[in-house]
Amino acid sequence: MLSCLALLALACTPALAISLGLVLPDGNSAISQGIWADEGAKITSTVNFSGGQWTQTANVVSGGGSGNSVTETVTANQYFNAPCACDSHTNFFVIESELDGQQTGDWNFDVTFTDISITAATTDGVSALCSGATSHSDGNGYVTISGYSLSSDGKTCNWSTMILSPP
């Protein structure tokens, strides 16, 4: 039930738009507006489940897009086709961050998400799911995950960094 992510870029500075997106069970997509990330950018990311809604926010805290943020919210009904995450076949990924745009093939720098937190409504399965998040590649790039911890209430997973690297 959890997830293990626009400002004009300065001329001649490599930059890509990062959107928060989710393909819903009905085949439709919930996709946020994009924010720009350039080489060396750091982005904080939070995900929270409250009042029947998943909300993810990404804030650019350094780099050319510093000060910009983007938020995407989906309801449990949209995501699970039910008012709860009660189906054992539900997808664990709530909203994922992805690089988007016409220049994604030119991506040649790391994008660092910092101070990532995901908060669930209950503690059920949170520790096992979050501690299982590992660095990996799907062939389109690589994610390096580090600094995992679980809050004392057992509902919030924290990571110090997640670094997206080009293929």
Protein backbone atom coordinates (compact mmCIF):
# COMPACT_ATOMS: atom_id res chain seq x y z
CA MET A 1 0.00 0.00 0.00
CA LEU A 2 3.03 2.26 -0.22
CA SER A 3 5.63 3.28 -2.69
CA CYS A 4 8.96 2.35 -2.72
CA LEU A 5 9.26 10.40 -7.84
CA ALA A 6 8.38 24.47 -14.36
CA LEU A 7 11.08 26.71 -14.57
CA LEU A 8 12.93 27.53 -17.79
CA ALA A 9 16.41 26.07 -17.59
CA LEU A 10 19.38 28.33 -18.04
CA ALA A 11 20.73 28.32 -21.58
CA CYS A 12 23.35 25.63 -22.19
CA THR A 13 22.53 23.90 -18.88
CA PRO A 14 21.37 20.30 -19.34
CA ALA A 15 17.95 19.97 -17.71
CA LEU A 16 15.04 17.56 -17.78
CA ALA A 17 11.45 17.78 -16.59
CA ILE A 18 10.50 15.46 -13.76
CA SER A 19 6.81 14.56 -13.42
CA LEU A 20 4.98 12.58 -10.79
CA GLY A 21 2.85 10.03 -12.60
CA LEU A 22 0.68 7.00 -12.02
CA VAL A 23 -1.19 4.68 -14.37
CA LEU A 24 -4.54 3.98 -12.72
CA PRO A 25 -6.23 0.54 -12.81
CA ASP A 26 -8.81 1.86 -15.30
CA GLY A 27 -5.99 2.62 -17.77
CA ASN A 28 -6.10 6.40 -17.28
CA SER A 29 -3.11 8.33 -15.95
CA ALA A 30 -2.70 10.85 -13.17
CA ILE A 31 0.33 12.97 -14.13
CA SER A 32 1.51 16.15 -12.47
CA GLN A 33 2.96 19.21 -14.10
CA GLY A 34 6.73 18.95 -14.54
CA ILE A 35 9.52 20.60 -12.62
CA TRP A 36 12.98 21.19 -14.02
CA ALA A 37 16.01 19.42 -12.63
CA ASP A 38 19.50 20.24 -13.82
CA GLU A 39 22.87 18.71 -13.11
CA GLY A 40 23.51 18.72 -9.37
CA ALA A 41 19.87 19.40 -8.46
CA LYS A 42 18.55 18.08 -5.18
CA ILE A 43 14.85 17.37 -4.76
CA THR A 44 12.94 16.50 -1.59
CA SER A 45 10.04 14.11 -1.95
CA THR A 46 7.20 13.26 0.43
CA VAL A 47 4.27 10.88 0.07
CA ASN A 48 1.40 10.80 2.52
CA PHE A 49 -1.86 8.84 2.81
CA SER A 50 -4.52 10.80 4.67
CA GLY A 51 -8.27 11.17 4.37
CA GLY A 52 -8.41 8.49 1.67
CA GLN A 53 -5.91 10.29 -0.58
CA TRP A 54 -2.28 9.70 -1.58
CA THR A 55 -0.42 12.98 -2.02
CA GLN A 56 3.14 13.23 -3.32
CA THR A 57 5.10 16.47 -3.36
CA ALA A 58 8.55 17.10 -4.83
CA ASN A 59 10.45 20.31 -4.02
CA VAL A 60 13.62 21.40 -5.84
CA VAL A 61 15.91 22.54 -3.01
CA SER A 62 19.04 23.27 -5.07
CA GLY A 63 20.05 23.74 -8.70
CA GLY A 64 18.56 25.77 -11.54
CA GLY A 65 14.98 24.90 -10.57
CA SER A 66 15.46 25.71 -6.89
CA GLY A 67 12.25 26.84 -5.21
CA ASN A 68 9.91 25.03 -7.59
CA SER A 69 7.59 22.27 -6.46
CA VAL A 70 4.97 19.94 -7.87
CA THR A 71 2.20 17.95 -6.19
CA GLU A 72 -0.05 15.12 -7.36
CA THR A 73 -2.96 13.66 -5.40
CA VAL A 74 -4.99 10.54 -6.15
CA THR A 75 -7.77 9.03 -4.07
CA ALA A 76 -7.79 5.44 -2.88
CA ASN A 77 -10.87 4.94 -5.09
CA GLN A 78 -8.92 6.10 -8.17
CA TYR A 79 -5.92 3.98 -7.35
CA PHE A 80 -7.38 0.79 -5.96
CA ASN A 81 -10.85 0.85 -7.58
CA ALA A 82 -12.05 0.46 -3.99
CA PRO A 83 -12.17 2.76 -0.96
CA CYS A 84 -9.23 0.90 0.58
CA ALA A 85 -6.00 -0.94 -0.20
CA CYS A 86 -7.73 -4.17 0.77
CA ASP A 87 -7.09 -6.22 -2.39
CA SER A 88 -3.98 -8.36 -2.02
CA HIS A 89 -3.27 -7.82 -5.72
CA THR A 90 -2.93 -4.03 -5.49
CA ASN A 91 0.21 -2.43 -6.81
CA PHE A 92 2.48 -1.12 -4.06
CA PHE A 93 3.76 1.83 -6.06
CA VAL A 94 1.63 4.86 -5.32
CA ILE A 95 3.17 7.56 -7.50
CA GLU A 96 6.52 7.22 -9.20
CA SER A 97 8.87 9.92 -10.37
CA GLU A 98 10.11 9.78 -13.92
CA LEU A 99 12.10 11.82 -16.34
CA ASP A 100 10.03 13.12 -19.21
CA GLY A 101 10.49 15.27 -22.28
CA GLN A 102 11.97 15.29 -25.76
CA GLN A 103 15.57 15.37 -24.55
CA THR A 104 15.50 12.36 -22.21
CA GLY A 105 17.98 10.62 -24.53
CA ASP A 106 20.45 13.40 -23.68
CA TRP A 107 20.23 12.69 -19.95
CA ASN A 108 23.82 12.52 -18.74
CA PHE A 109 23.72 13.57 -15.09
CA ASP A 110 22.45 12.27 -11.76
CA VAL A 111 19.30 13.65 -10.12
CA THR A 112 19.30 13.37 -6.33
CA PHE A 113 16.12 13.14 -4.26
CA THR A 114 16.83 13.92 -0.59
CA ASP A 115 14.91 13.49 2.65
CA ILE A 116 12.32 11.15 1.13
CA SER A 117 9.45 10.12 3.38
CA ILE A 118 6.37 7.99 2.85
CA THR A 119 3.64 7.87 5.49
CA ALA A 120 0.92 5.21 5.63
CA ALA A 121 -2.40 5.21 7.45
CA THR A 122 -1.47 2.11 9.49
CA THR A 123 1.67 0.14 10.33
CA ASP A 124 0.47 -2.97 8.48
CA GLY A 125 3.34 -4.23 6.29
CA VAL A 126 5.16 -0.89 6.28
CA SER A 127 8.48 -2.08 7.72
CA ALA A 128 8.76 -5.12 5.45
CA LEU A 129 7.83 -3.19 2.32
CA CYS A 130 10.07 -0.18 2.88
CA SER A 131 13.10 -2.11 4.08
CA GLY A 132 12.87 -4.14 0.86
CA ALA A 133 13.50 -1.11 -1.37
CA THR A 134 16.86 -1.69 -3.04
CA SER A 135 19.11 0.00 -5.57
CA HIS A 136 18.31 -1.37 -9.03
CA SER A 137 18.03 -0.73 -12.77
CA ASP A 138 15.22 -1.39 -15.22
CA GLY A 139 17.50 -0.84 -18.21
CA ASN A 140 16.45 2.82 -18.59
CA GLY A 141 18.64 4.15 -15.82
CA TYR A 142 19.65 3.28 -12.30
CA VAL A 143 18.36 4.22 -8.85
CA THR A 144 20.71 4.17 -5.86
CA ILE A 145 18.83 4.10 -2.54
CA SER A 146 20.49 4.85 0.80
CA GLY A 147 19.82 5.86 4.37
CA TYR A 148 16.63 3.90 5.17
CA SER A 149 14.98 4.30 8.57
CA LEU A 150 11.51 3.65 9.99
CA SER A 151 9.85 6.20 12.30
CA SER A 152 9.13 5.27 15.90
CA ASP A 153 5.38 5.05 15.16
CA GLY A 154 6.05 2.47 12.41
CA LYS A 155 4.03 4.40 9.79
CA THR A 156 6.68 6.55 8.08
CA CYS A 157 9.57 5.26 5.98
CA ASN A 158 12.49 7.63 5.44
CA TRP A 159 15.47 7.51 3.07
CA SER A 160 18.31 10.02 3.07
CA THR A 161 18.84 9.86 -0.71
CA MET A 162 17.60 8.26 -3.90
CA ILE A 163 19.82 9.05 -6.88
CA LEU A 164 18.52 8.60 -10.44
CA SER A 165 21.39 7.94 -12.86
CA PRO A 166 21.29 7.68 -16.65
CA PRO A 167 21.66 4.33 -18.43
